[in-house]
N, C-alpha and C. Protein backbone atom coordinates (compact mmCIF):
# COMPACT_ATOMS: atom_id res chain seq x y z
N MET A 1 6.29 72.35 199.58
CA MET A 1 6.76 71.24 198.78
C MET A 1 6.64 71.91 196.94
N GLU A 2 6.36 73.12 196.52
CA GLU A 2 6.21 73.58 195.45
C GLU A 2 7.85 73.48 194.79
N GLY A 3 9.18 73.79 195.90
CA GLY A 3 10.80 73.63 195.75
C GLY A 3 10.74 72.77 195.43
N ILE A 4 10.45 71.18 196.30
CA ILE A 4 11.03 70.61 195.11
C ILE A 4 10.47 69.20 194.65
N LYS A 5 11.89 69.35 193.60
CA LYS A 5 11.57 68.15 192.57
C LYS A 5 11.63 66.43 192.71
N LYS A 6 11.64 66.03 193.98
CA LYS A 6 11.00 64.50 193.87
C LYS A 6 11.36 64.66 195.36
N ILE A 7 10.59 63.13 195.65
CA ILE A 7 10.94 62.39 197.39
C ILE A 7 11.15 61.33 197.56
N TYR A 8 12.26 60.43 197.58
CA TYR A 8 12.45 59.50 197.79
C TYR A 8 12.83 58.88 199.17
N ILE A 9 10.95 57.60 199.00
CA ILE A 9 10.06 56.89 200.69
C ILE A 9 11.11 56.05 200.09
N ASN A 10 12.17 55.26 201.43
CA ASN A 10 13.06 54.61 201.36
C ASN A 10 11.91 53.98 202.15
N SER A 11 11.12 52.43 202.45
CA SER A 11 10.56 51.36 202.75
C SER A 11 11.06 49.72 203.41
N ASP A 12 10.33 49.45 203.79
CA ASP A 12 9.72 47.75 203.88
C ASP A 12 8.89 47.60 202.53
N GLY A 13 7.99 48.03 201.86
CA GLY A 13 7.00 47.83 201.85
C GLY A 13 5.50 48.24 202.64
N GLY A 14 5.84 48.01 203.44
CA GLY A 14 4.71 48.52 205.07
C GLY A 14 3.25 48.38 202.93
N ALA A 15 2.05 48.58 203.77
CA ALA A 15 1.31 48.87 203.06
C ALA A 15 0.41 50.24 203.32
N TRP A 16 1.25 50.83 204.22
CA TRP A 16 0.63 52.12 204.84
C TRP A 16 1.34 52.77 204.57
N ILE A 17 2.42 52.65 204.36
CA ILE A 17 3.48 53.76 204.14
C ILE A 17 2.98 53.75 202.32
N LYS A 18 2.41 52.47 202.17
CA LYS A 18 2.93 52.70 200.37
C LYS A 18 0.89 54.27 200.49
N GLU A 19 0.04 53.61 200.74
CA GLU A 19 -1.30 54.19 200.82
C GLU A 19 -0.76 55.66 201.16
N GLY A 20 0.34 56.17 201.95
CA GLY A 20 0.65 57.56 202.30
C GLY A 20 1.94 58.10 201.48
N MET A 21 2.27 57.16 200.36
CA MET A 21 2.34 57.83 198.79
C MET A 21 1.73 58.44 198.52
N ASN A 22 0.23 57.58 198.18
CA ASN A 22 -0.71 58.89 197.34
C ASN A 22 -1.21 59.54 197.28
N GLN A 23 -0.93 60.28 198.86
CA GLN A 23 -0.87 61.53 199.04
C GLN A 23 -0.38 62.65 198.75
N LEU A 24 1.12 62.08 198.72
CA LEU A 24 2.29 63.80 197.90
C LEU A 24 2.45 63.33 196.56
N GLY A 25 2.92 64.37 195.88
CA GLY A 25 3.56 64.41 194.49
C GLY A 25 4.78 63.72 194.38
N SER A 26 5.31 63.75 193.21
CA SER A 26 6.34 63.95 193.40
C SER A 26 7.35 62.98 193.88
N ILE A 27 6.87 61.23 194.24
CA ILE A 27 7.56 60.62 195.35
C ILE A 27 7.69 59.67 194.76
N GLU A 28 9.12 58.78 194.49
CA GLU A 28 9.24 57.36 194.38
C GLU A 28 9.64 56.38 196.04
N TYR A 29 9.32 55.35 195.35
CA TYR A 29 9.82 54.56 196.98
C TYR A 29 10.57 53.67 196.63
N VAL A 30 11.73 53.69 197.28
CA VAL A 30 12.92 52.79 197.63
C VAL A 30 13.01 51.66 198.13
N LEU A 31 13.18 50.63 198.34
CA LEU A 31 13.18 49.46 199.05
C LEU A 31 14.25 49.62 199.89
N ASP A 32 14.07 49.49 201.10
CA ASP A 32 15.29 50.69 202.22
C ASP A 32 16.59 49.02 201.96
N GLU A 33 17.50 49.14 202.27
CA GLU A 33 19.28 48.35 201.96
C GLU A 33 18.44 47.42 203.72
N PHE A 34 17.99 47.67 204.63
CA PHE A 34 18.34 46.46 205.16
C PHE A 34 17.26 46.18 204.67
N HIS A 35 15.85 46.50 204.48
CA HIS A 35 14.66 44.24 204.24
C HIS A 35 15.25 44.03 202.53
N LEU A 36 16.27 45.02 202.09
CA LEU A 36 16.56 44.16 200.86
C LEU A 36 17.85 43.26 200.81
N SER A 37 18.49 43.65 201.71
CA SER A 37 19.32 42.28 202.27
C SER A 37 19.13 41.70 202.38
N LYS A 38 17.87 41.57 203.60
CA LYS A 38 17.70 40.11 204.53
C LYS A 38 17.25 39.91 203.16
N TYR A 39 16.45 39.87 202.86
CA TYR A 39 15.33 38.64 201.86
C TYR A 39 16.62 38.36 201.08
N VAL A 40 17.18 39.01 199.99
CA VAL A 40 18.30 38.20 199.86
C VAL A 40 18.89 37.61 199.93
N LEU A 41 19.68 37.52 202.24
CA LEU A 41 20.57 37.14 202.89
C LEU A 41 19.26 34.77 202.38
N LYS A 42 17.69 35.87 203.20
CA LYS A 42 17.39 34.78 203.11
C LYS A 42 17.48 33.32 202.08
N MET A 43 18.01 33.87 200.78
CA MET A 43 16.35 33.49 200.00
C MET A 43 18.63 32.40 199.41
N THR A 44 19.77 33.00 200.49
CA THR A 44 20.84 32.35 199.90
C THR A 44 21.63 31.59 201.08
N SER A 45 20.80 32.41 202.55
CA SER A 45 21.89 31.00 203.36
C SER A 45 22.40 29.67 203.08
N HIS A 46 20.95 29.92 202.34
CA HIS A 46 21.07 27.72 203.04
C HIS A 46 22.25 27.00 201.75
N MET A 47 23.00 28.24 201.07
CA MET A 47 24.08 27.26 199.89
C MET A 47 25.43 27.52 199.94
N LEU A 48 25.74 27.36 201.61
CA LEU A 48 27.30 27.04 202.50
C LEU A 48 28.47 27.81 202.27
N ASP A 49 28.73 27.19 200.94
CA ASP A 49 30.18 27.56 200.50
C ASP A 49 29.85 28.64 199.00
N SER A 50 28.60 28.43 198.61
CA SER A 50 28.81 28.97 197.65
C SER A 50 27.23 30.61 198.25
N LYS A 51 27.30 30.73 198.86
CA LYS A 51 26.10 31.50 199.07
C LYS A 51 26.91 33.23 198.93
N GLU A 52 27.71 33.37 198.58
CA GLU A 52 28.04 35.50 198.42
C GLU A 52 28.18 34.72 196.92
N ASP A 53 28.39 34.14 195.88
CA ASP A 53 27.93 33.65 194.91
C ASP A 53 26.55 34.41 194.26
N ALA A 54 26.42 33.54 194.77
CA ALA A 54 24.82 33.25 194.91
C ALA A 54 24.11 34.99 194.98
N ARG A 55 24.26 35.72 196.76
CA ARG A 55 23.83 36.70 196.26
C ARG A 55 24.28 38.01 195.22
N VAL A 56 25.70 37.20 194.57
CA VAL A 56 25.82 38.58 193.55
C VAL A 56 25.38 38.77 192.87
N GLY A 57 24.46 37.40 192.99
CA GLY A 57 23.81 36.70 191.21
C GLY A 57 22.92 37.32 191.47
N VAL A 58 21.87 37.59 192.76
CA VAL A 58 20.01 37.85 192.65
C VAL A 58 20.22 39.18 192.76
N CYS A 59 21.39 40.38 193.13
CA CYS A 59 21.08 41.23 192.73
C CYS A 59 21.77 41.87 191.84
N LYS A 60 22.38 41.14 191.13
CA LYS A 60 23.08 41.46 189.50
C LYS A 60 21.35 41.59 188.93
N ILE A 61 20.86 40.25 188.43
CA ILE A 61 19.92 40.46 187.97
C ILE A 61 19.02 40.92 188.71
N ILE A 62 18.50 41.54 190.28
CA ILE A 62 17.14 42.32 190.23
C ILE A 62 17.66 43.80 189.65
N ARG A 63 19.37 43.68 189.54
CA ARG A 63 18.85 45.46 189.25
C ARG A 63 18.72 45.54 187.60
N ASP A 64 19.60 44.59 186.50
CA ASP A 64 19.95 44.57 186.06
C ASP A 64 19.33 43.67 184.83
N GLY A 65 18.40 42.49 185.47
CA GLY A 65 17.66 41.30 185.01
C GLY A 65 16.01 41.98 184.90
N THR A 66 15.31 40.60 184.24
CA THR A 66 14.64 41.12 184.10
C THR A 66 13.20 39.74 185.22
N LYS A 67 11.93 40.20 185.46
CA LYS A 67 11.23 39.04 186.49
C LYS A 67 11.36 37.85 186.11
N LYS A 68 11.63 37.87 184.66
CA LYS A 68 11.32 35.81 184.26
C LYS A 68 13.21 34.72 184.53
N GLU A 69 14.04 36.41 184.24
CA GLU A 69 15.22 35.89 185.19
C GLU A 69 15.03 35.86 186.59
N PHE A 70 14.92 36.37 186.64
CA PHE A 70 14.46 36.60 188.65
C PHE A 70 14.06 35.24 189.18
N ASP A 71 12.97 34.31 188.50
CA ASP A 71 11.91 33.58 188.74
C ASP A 71 12.86 32.57 188.28
N GLU A 72 13.80 32.33 187.02
CA GLU A 72 14.56 31.84 187.39
C GLU A 72 15.93 30.48 188.51
N ILE A 73 15.98 32.41 189.03
CA ILE A 73 17.32 32.03 189.40
C ILE A 73 16.39 31.26 191.04
N VAL A 74 15.50 31.75 190.92
CA VAL A 74 14.38 30.90 192.79
C VAL A 74 14.16 30.01 192.94
N GLU A 75 14.16 29.48 190.82
CA GLU A 75 14.01 27.82 190.37
C GLU A 75 15.27 27.41 191.11
N ARG A 76 16.07 27.38 190.54
CA ARG A 76 17.87 27.46 191.18
C ARG A 76 18.09 27.25 192.66
N LEU A 77 17.71 27.90 193.29
CA LEU A 77 18.01 28.19 194.71
C LEU A 77 16.96 27.34 194.93
N GLU A 78 15.79 26.78 194.79
CA GLU A 78 14.94 26.33 196.03
C GLU A 78 15.46 24.94 195.37
N GLY A 79 15.67 24.21 194.11
CA GLY A 79 15.97 22.99 193.80
C GLY A 79 17.87 22.60 194.72
N CYS A 80 18.25 23.65 195.24
CA CYS A 80 19.57 23.14 196.46
C CYS A 80 18.46 23.06 197.83
N ALA A 81 17.45 23.33 198.05
CA ALA A 81 16.43 23.34 199.42
C ALA A 81 17.09 22.17 200.01
N LYS A 82 17.43 22.31 201.10
CA LYS A 82 17.15 20.49 202.06
C LYS A 82 16.21 20.38 202.44
N THR A 83 14.89 20.67 203.45
CA THR A 83 14.27 21.17 203.84
C THR A 83 13.41 21.60 202.91
N GLU A 84 11.90 21.56 204.31
CA GLU A 84 10.57 22.54 203.95
C GLU A 84 10.64 23.98 203.86
N SER A 85 11.20 23.62 205.28
CA SER A 85 11.56 25.24 206.42
C SER A 85 12.81 26.17 205.36
N GLN A 86 13.63 25.65 204.68
CA GLN A 86 14.70 26.06 203.45
C GLN A 86 14.38 26.37 202.56
N LEU A 87 13.24 25.78 201.59
CA LEU A 87 12.30 26.37 200.48
C LEU A 87 11.23 27.25 201.32
N LYS A 88 10.67 27.45 201.92
CA LYS A 88 9.66 28.21 202.13
C LYS A 88 10.29 29.53 203.04
N ARG A 89 11.20 30.03 203.28
CA ARG A 89 11.80 30.93 203.48
C ARG A 89 12.48 30.89 202.40
N ILE A 90 12.84 30.90 200.95
CA ILE A 90 13.16 31.03 199.68
C ILE A 90 11.67 31.82 199.11
N GLN A 91 10.80 31.45 199.40
CA GLN A 91 10.22 31.47 198.38
C GLN A 91 9.34 32.88 198.80
N GLU A 92 9.05 32.23 200.55
CA GLU A 92 8.63 34.27 200.69
C GLU A 92 9.41 35.34 200.86
N ALA A 93 10.36 35.19 200.65
CA ALA A 93 12.36 35.60 200.49
C ALA A 93 11.72 37.32 198.84
N ALA A 94 11.57 35.96 198.34
CA ALA A 94 11.36 36.46 196.97
C ALA A 94 9.92 36.94 196.79
N LYS A 95 8.86 36.28 197.49
CA LYS A 95 7.28 36.73 196.97
C LYS A 95 7.52 37.98 197.38
N HIS A 96 9.23 38.32 198.36
CA HIS A 96 8.58 40.15 199.32
C HIS A 96 9.06 40.64 197.64
N ILE A 97 10.05 40.31 197.10
CA ILE A 97 11.06 40.84 196.27
C ILE A 97 9.84 41.51 194.85
N LYS A 98 9.66 40.86 194.15
CA LYS A 98 8.84 40.32 193.78
C LYS A 98 7.86 42.08 193.97
N ASN A 99 7.37 41.85 194.85
CA ASN A 99 6.18 42.66 195.37
C ASN A 99 6.69 43.80 195.21
N ASN A 100 7.74 44.22 195.38
CA ASN A 100 8.91 44.97 195.40
C ASN A 100 9.77 45.55 194.21
N TRP A 101 9.65 44.90 193.50
CA TRP A 101 10.37 45.26 192.24
C TRP A 101 11.40 46.55 191.48
N THR A 102 10.09 47.22 191.65
CA THR A 102 11.05 48.51 190.77
C THR A 102 11.22 49.49 192.41
N ALA A 103 11.02 49.31 193.06
CA ALA A 103 11.26 49.40 194.31
C ALA A 103 12.89 49.21 194.49
N ALA A 104 12.91 47.91 194.68
CA ALA A 104 14.51 46.67 194.76
C ALA A 104 15.16 47.90 193.85
N LYS A 105 14.87 47.60 192.53
CA LYS A 105 16.21 47.47 190.62
C LYS A 105 16.09 49.50 192.09
N ARG A 106 16.14 50.36 191.97
CA ARG A 106 15.72 51.64 192.32
C ARG A 106 16.65 51.67 193.45
N ARG A 107 16.74 50.88 194.58
CA ARG A 107 17.99 51.04 195.37
C ARG A 107 19.14 50.53 195.35
N LEU A 108 19.50 49.16 194.32
CA LEU A 108 20.55 48.97 193.44
C LEU A 108 21.13 50.14 192.50
N TRP A 109 19.73 50.58 191.82
CA TRP A 109 20.71 51.10 190.81
C TRP A 109 21.38 52.17 191.07
N ARG A 110 21.37 52.97 192.60
CA ARG A 110 22.16 54.00 193.33
C ARG A 110 21.92 55.23 192.45
N ARG A 111 21.16 55.64 191.80
CA ARG A 111 21.15 57.03 191.46
C ARG A 111 21.43 58.50 192.24
N ASN A 112 22.31 59.17 191.92
CA ASN A 112 21.88 60.37 192.32
C ASN A 112 20.86 60.78 192.36
N GLY A 113 20.52 61.37 194.23
CA GLY A 113 19.31 61.30 194.95
C GLY A 113 18.59 60.82 195.73
N VAL A 114 18.96 58.98 195.86
CA VAL A 114 17.88 57.39 196.02
C VAL A 114 19.52 57.97 197.55
N CYS A 115 19.60 57.98 198.28
CA CYS A 115 20.41 58.55 199.10
C CYS A 115 19.47 56.42 199.93
N ALA A 116 20.97 56.01 201.36
CA ALA A 116 20.65 55.22 201.97
C ALA A 116 19.82 55.26 203.36
N CYS A 117 18.89 54.12 203.85
CA CYS A 117 18.93 55.28 205.25
C CYS A 117 19.05 53.91 206.41
N SER A 118 20.17 54.60 207.29
CA SER A 118 20.13 54.29 208.45
C SER A 118 19.32 53.62 209.66
N ALA A 119 18.13 54.14 209.30
CA ALA A 119 16.24 54.07 210.34
C ALA A 119 16.27 52.39 211.45
N GLU A 120 15.98 51.57 209.66
CA GLU A 120 16.20 49.96 210.12
C GLU A 120 16.90 49.97 210.95
N GLY A 121 18.80 49.85 210.64
CA GLY A 121 19.22 49.63 211.26
C GLY A 121 20.31 50.08 213.01
N HIS A 122 19.59 51.33 212.44
CA HIS A 122 20.12 51.92 214.34
C HIS A 122 18.63 51.47 215.13
N VAL A 123 16.87 51.22 214.89
CA VAL A 123 16.18 50.52 216.26
C VAL A 123 16.60 49.02 215.64
N SER A 124 17.79 48.45 214.83
CA SER A 124 17.73 47.41 215.93
C SER A 124 19.01 46.52 216.29
N HIS A 125 19.97 48.07 216.39
CA HIS A 125 20.98 47.75 217.03
C HIS A 125 21.23 48.87 218.23
N VAL A 126 20.76 49.75 217.95
CA VAL A 126 20.87 50.90 218.99
C VAL A 126 19.51 50.87 220.54
N LEU A 127 18.57 50.38 219.68
CA LEU A 127 17.06 49.87 220.70
C LEU A 127 16.20 49.39 220.79
N SER A 128 16.22 47.80 219.70
CA SER A 128 15.97 46.91 219.66
C SER A 128 16.74 45.92 220.58
N SER A 129 18.15 45.51 221.01
CA SER A 129 18.48 45.10 221.56
C SER A 129 18.84 45.51 222.61
N ARG A 130 18.57 46.04 223.18
CA ARG A 130 18.81 46.64 224.72
C ARG A 130 16.89 46.60 225.26
N MET A 131 16.26 46.63 223.94
CA MET A 131 15.24 46.65 225.39
C MET A 131 13.33 45.59 225.03
N SER A 132 13.95 44.61 223.37
CA SER A 132 12.76 43.89 223.17
C SER A 132 13.46 42.96 222.82
N THR A 133 14.63 42.74 223.12
CA THR A 133 15.46 40.78 222.71
C THR A 133 15.18 40.39 223.61
N LEU A 134 14.37 40.85 224.72
CA LEU A 134 14.89 39.73 225.55
C LEU A 134 12.60 40.18 225.56
N ALA A 135 12.50 39.66 226.87
CA ALA A 135 11.20 39.82 227.04
C ALA A 135 10.98 40.60 228.09
N LEU A 136 10.56 42.00 227.96
CA LEU A 136 10.80 43.23 228.98
C LEU A 136 10.09 43.95 228.30
N GLY A 137 9.30 44.54 229.68
CA GLY A 137 7.97 45.54 229.75
C GLY A 137 8.59 46.63 229.43
N TRP A 138 8.25 47.95 229.57
CA TRP A 138 8.57 48.71 229.55
C TRP A 138 6.96 50.12 230.16
N SER A 139 7.20 51.03 230.85
CA SER A 139 5.99 52.29 230.76
C SER A 139 6.79 53.29 229.91
N ARG A 140 6.14 54.04 229.83
CA ARG A 140 6.52 54.82 228.74
C ARG A 140 7.29 55.35 229.26
N LEU A 141 7.35 56.28 229.87
CA LEU A 141 8.95 57.19 230.84
C LEU A 141 9.59 56.36 231.07
N GLY A 142 9.83 55.47 231.21
CA GLY A 142 11.13 53.88 231.49
C GLY A 142 11.07 54.17 229.72
N ALA A 143 10.16 54.08 228.77
CA ALA A 143 11.47 53.92 227.18
C ALA A 143 11.74 54.59 226.49
N SER A 144 11.30 55.99 226.92
CA SER A 144 11.93 57.44 226.46
C SER A 144 12.53 57.73 227.52
N LYS A 145 13.23 57.27 229.18
CA LYS A 145 14.43 58.01 229.05
C LYS A 145 16.05 56.72 228.00
N MET A 146 15.59 55.64 228.47
CA MET A 146 16.31 54.30 228.16
C MET A 146 16.21 54.28 226.17
N ALA A 147 15.86 54.67 226.06
CA ALA A 147 16.06 55.24 224.08
C ALA A 147 17.16 56.53 224.22
N ARG A 148 16.52 57.20 225.19
CA ARG A 148 17.66 58.90 225.37
C ARG A 148 19.05 58.45 225.45
N LEU A 149 19.41 57.23 226.61
CA LEU A 149 20.29 56.83 226.77
C LEU A 149 20.92 56.36 225.94
N ARG A 150 20.67 55.71 225.47
CA ARG A 150 20.67 54.35 224.39
C ARG A 150 21.45 56.18 223.30
N GLU A 151 21.04 56.16 223.09
CA GLU A 151 20.86 57.37 222.01
C GLU A 151 22.27 58.12 222.10
N TRP A 152 22.64 58.87 223.45
CA TRP A 152 23.87 59.14 224.24
C TRP A 152 25.08 58.48 224.07
N HIS A 153 24.72 57.10 224.69
CA HIS A 153 25.71 56.33 224.78
C HIS A 153 26.41 56.49 222.88
N TYR A 154 25.28 56.10 221.38
CA TYR A 154 26.26 55.95 220.63
C TYR A 154 26.51 57.27 219.88
N ASN A 155 26.45 57.84 221.20
CA ASN A 155 26.97 59.22 219.25
C ASN A 155 28.54 59.14 220.71
N LYS A 156 28.81 58.89 221.38
CA LYS A 156 30.16 58.59 221.46
C LYS A 156 30.22 60.02 223.28
N ASN A 157 28.69 60.04 224.20
CA ASN A 157 29.39 61.13 224.73
C ASN A 157 29.41 60.38 225.95
N SER A 158 29.77 61.14 226.96
CA SER A 158 29.90 60.49 228.82
C SER A 158 29.28 60.24 229.25
N MET A 159 28.53 58.76 230.04
CA MET A 159 27.76 58.16 231.06
C MET A 159 28.17 59.56 231.69
N LEU A 160 29.25 59.47 232.47
CA LEU A 160 29.60 59.73 233.87
C LEU A 160 29.08 61.10 233.93
N GLU A 161 29.51 62.14 232.91
CA GLU A 161 29.14 63.57 232.06
C GLU A 161 27.94 63.68 232.86
N LEU A 162 26.51 62.83 232.11
CA LEU A 162 25.61 62.78 231.73
C LEU A 162 25.18 63.12 233.54
N VAL A 163 25.79 62.38 234.31
CA VAL A 163 25.40 62.11 235.57
C VAL A 163 25.48 62.57 236.27
N ARG A 164 26.35 63.61 236.20
CA ARG A 164 27.42 64.34 236.97
C ARG A 164 26.12 65.91 236.55
N SER A 165 25.75 66.40 235.82
CA SER A 165 24.98 67.11 235.52
C SER A 165 24.13 67.27 235.93
N GLN A 166 22.97 66.28 235.71
CA GLN A 166 21.56 66.08 236.90
C GLN A 166 21.03 66.65 237.10
N LYS A 167 20.53 68.08 237.62
CA LYS A 167 20.25 68.26 238.44
C LYS A 167 18.77 67.34 239.88
N ALA A 168 18.88 66.92 241.11
CA ALA A 168 18.23 66.47 241.91
C ALA A 168 17.26 66.73 241.95
N GLU A 169 16.11 65.35 241.82
CA GLU A 169 15.19 66.13 241.76
C GLU A 169 14.08 66.25 242.66
N LEU A 170 13.03 66.85 242.18
CA LEU A 170 12.51 67.86 243.96
C LEU A 170 11.27 66.72 244.83
N PRO A 171 11.25 66.26 245.41
CA PRO A 171 10.73 65.15 245.96
C PRO A 171 8.64 65.20 245.78
N MET A 172 8.05 64.54 245.11
CA MET A 172 6.87 63.52 244.28
C MET A 172 6.16 64.36 246.12
N VAL A 173 4.81 65.32 245.98
CA VAL A 173 3.83 65.70 246.50
C VAL A 173 3.00 64.12 247.23
N ALA A 174 2.63 63.50 248.31
CA ALA A 174 2.00 62.72 248.94
C ALA A 174 1.17 62.82 247.47
N GLY A 175 1.32 60.84 247.97
CA GLY A 175 -0.26 60.15 246.87
C GLY A 175 0.31 60.11 245.28
N ALA A 176 1.06 60.92 245.66
CA ALA A 176 2.03 60.69 243.73
C ALA A 176 1.85 59.30 242.89
N GLU A 177 0.87 58.50 241.98
CA GLU A 177 1.09 57.34 241.18
C GLU A 177 2.88 57.43 240.54
N GLU A 178 2.71 58.11 240.05
CA GLU A 178 3.97 58.45 239.17
C GLU A 178 6.07 58.61 239.61
N LEU A 179 6.77 57.72 238.46
CA LEU A 179 7.86 57.79 240.32
C LEU A 179 8.19 57.78 238.67
N ILE A 180 9.44 59.81 238.88
CA ILE A 180 10.28 59.75 237.74
C ILE A 180 11.70 59.95 238.32
N MET A 181 12.39 58.66 237.36
CA MET A 181 13.96 58.52 237.60
C MET A 181 14.50 59.48 236.67
N SER A 182 15.70 59.86 237.45
CA SER A 182 16.60 60.43 236.88
C SER A 182 17.71 59.90 236.00
N ALA A 183 17.94 60.35 235.12
CA ALA A 183 18.97 59.33 234.48
C ALA A 183 19.83 58.43 235.35
N SER A 184 20.68 58.92 236.39
CA SER A 184 22.32 57.96 237.43
C SER A 184 20.72 57.62 237.66
N ASP A 185 19.74 57.54 238.16
CA ASP A 185 18.77 56.48 238.85
C ASP A 185 18.73 54.89 237.69
N ILE A 186 18.86 55.49 236.68
CA ILE A 186 18.60 54.35 235.52
C ILE A 186 19.56 53.79 235.16
N ILE A 187 20.48 53.96 235.52
CA ILE A 187 22.44 53.46 234.94
C ILE A 187 22.13 52.83 236.35
N SER A 188 21.51 53.52 237.40
CA SER A 188 22.14 52.70 238.78
C SER A 188 21.98 51.31 239.05
N SER A 189 20.47 50.97 237.98
CA SER A 189 19.13 50.80 238.12
C SER A 189 20.19 49.55 237.28
N GLU A 190 20.20 49.41 236.51
CA GLU A 190 21.13 49.03 235.01
C GLU A 190 22.07 47.97 236.32
N ILE A 191 22.77 49.02 236.67
CA ILE A 191 24.64 48.26 236.86
C ILE A 191 24.02 47.04 237.75
N ASN A 192 23.06 47.17 238.35
CA ASN A 192 22.50 46.55 240.15
C ASN A 192 21.57 45.21 238.85
N ARG A 193 20.91 45.71 237.61
CA ARG A 193 20.40 44.31 237.26
C ARG A 193 20.98 43.52 236.41
N ARG A 194 21.99 43.76 236.08
CA ARG A 194 23.70 43.49 235.03
C ARG A 194 24.00 42.44 236.13
N THR A 195 25.02 43.30 237.63
CA THR A 195 24.64 42.14 237.96
C THR A 195 24.43 41.18 239.34
N LYS A 196 23.36 41.23 239.10
CA LYS A 196 21.99 40.62 239.20
C LYS A 196 21.96 39.46 238.39
N ALA A 197 21.93 39.48 237.78
CA ALA A 197 22.20 38.49 236.51
C ALA A 197 22.68 37.99 235.96
N GLU A 198 24.30 38.08 236.51
CA GLU A 198 25.67 37.66 236.32
C GLU A 198 25.88 37.16 237.49
N THR A 199 24.90 37.11 239.11
CA THR A 199 25.57 36.22 240.06
C THR A 199 24.28 35.25 239.69
N ILE A 200 22.99 35.32 238.85
CA ILE A 200 22.51 33.85 239.31
C ILE A 200 23.47 33.41 237.39
N SER A 201 23.58 34.04 236.82
CA SER A 201 24.31 32.62 234.95
C SER A 201 25.71 32.24 236.60
N GLY A 202 26.12 32.56 236.49
CA GLY A 202 27.41 31.98 236.81
C GLY A 202 27.55 30.96 238.63
N LYS A 203 25.62 31.28 238.91
CA LYS A 203 25.75 29.98 239.48
C LYS A 203 25.30 29.50 238.79
N TYR A 204 24.48 29.33 237.73
CA TYR A 204 23.18 28.22 236.88
C TYR A 204 25.18 27.80 236.50
N GLU A 205 26.26 28.44 235.51
CA GLU A 205 27.45 28.04 235.60
C GLU A 205 27.45 26.74 235.86
N GLU A 206 27.86 27.60 238.15
CA GLU A 206 29.03 26.56 238.61
C GLU A 206 27.77 24.77 238.26
N ILE A 207 26.60 25.59 238.88
CA ILE A 207 25.82 23.44 239.06
C ILE A 207 26.29 22.63 237.81
N MET A 208 25.91 23.76 236.39
CA MET A 208 25.58 22.52 234.95
C MET A 208 27.09 22.09 235.52
N ASN A 209 28.26 23.24 235.85
CA ASN A 209 29.87 22.39 235.27
C ASN A 209 29.39 20.51 236.29
N THR A 210 29.73 20.93 236.70
CA THR A 210 29.26 20.31 239.05
C THR A 210 28.50 19.08 237.96
N THR A 211 27.41 18.76 237.29
CA THR A 211 26.22 18.11 236.97
C THR A 211 27.00 17.06 235.96
N LEU A 212 27.46 18.19 234.75
CA LEU A 212 28.46 17.69 233.22
C LEU A 212 29.94 16.57 234.91
N GLY A 213 29.69 17.76 235.42
CA GLY A 213 31.67 17.11 236.21
C GLY A 213 31.41 15.29 236.77
N LEU A 214 30.36 15.05 237.52
CA LEU A 214 29.44 13.93 238.18
C LEU A 214 29.79 12.67 237.21
N LYS A 215 27.76 13.41 235.99
CA LYS A 215 28.61 11.85 234.65
C LYS A 215 29.24 11.77 234.42
N THR A 216 30.28 12.18 233.65
CA THR A 216 31.95 12.30 233.41
C THR A 216 32.49 11.48 234.22
N LYS A 217 32.60 11.95 235.58
CA LYS A 217 33.27 10.10 235.96
C LYS A 217 32.76 9.24 236.08
């Protein structure tokens, strides 16, 4: 640690991360771009055709302006809200940014050494999209294997090559409670699951089309 001049931590502003920073020296907290963009989008999504201009304006004030100027643009955005839910969304997003004001500025200043972090994007698009978007249950073993398969796939490796390279699993001893699945087993299971889901979806669509056809006659 003695040779490190500065450490930048990309974070969503969680209290546990801020507490951890107190244990180390020479640390600057930077609000990660994934969450900053998320909250700016929440503040401006109701602006319809003007939302792009609104986002540019909000980011410019965060980067170069003051909290007072930020409050003023928040008031203008609130004035354009059509529903209570839109108003609440603006207020919650603005509060999060103000609570992490200096860290948000550091992100938008983009000074040398302040690098972006893709961890949140990877979690969302690589892992969550497959493992938690739907109500799914995972064992530790299954979750670990699926995460590794997703990593393998998104690194543009061949799934067929992976299956071919798998060694045959040794038979489990009698009475063993844990089932070990190879990568080929998991891929085969995934294909069967998708086929079953598509079959069910097709039957449902056929029923819906028949029902709608009867109603329109």
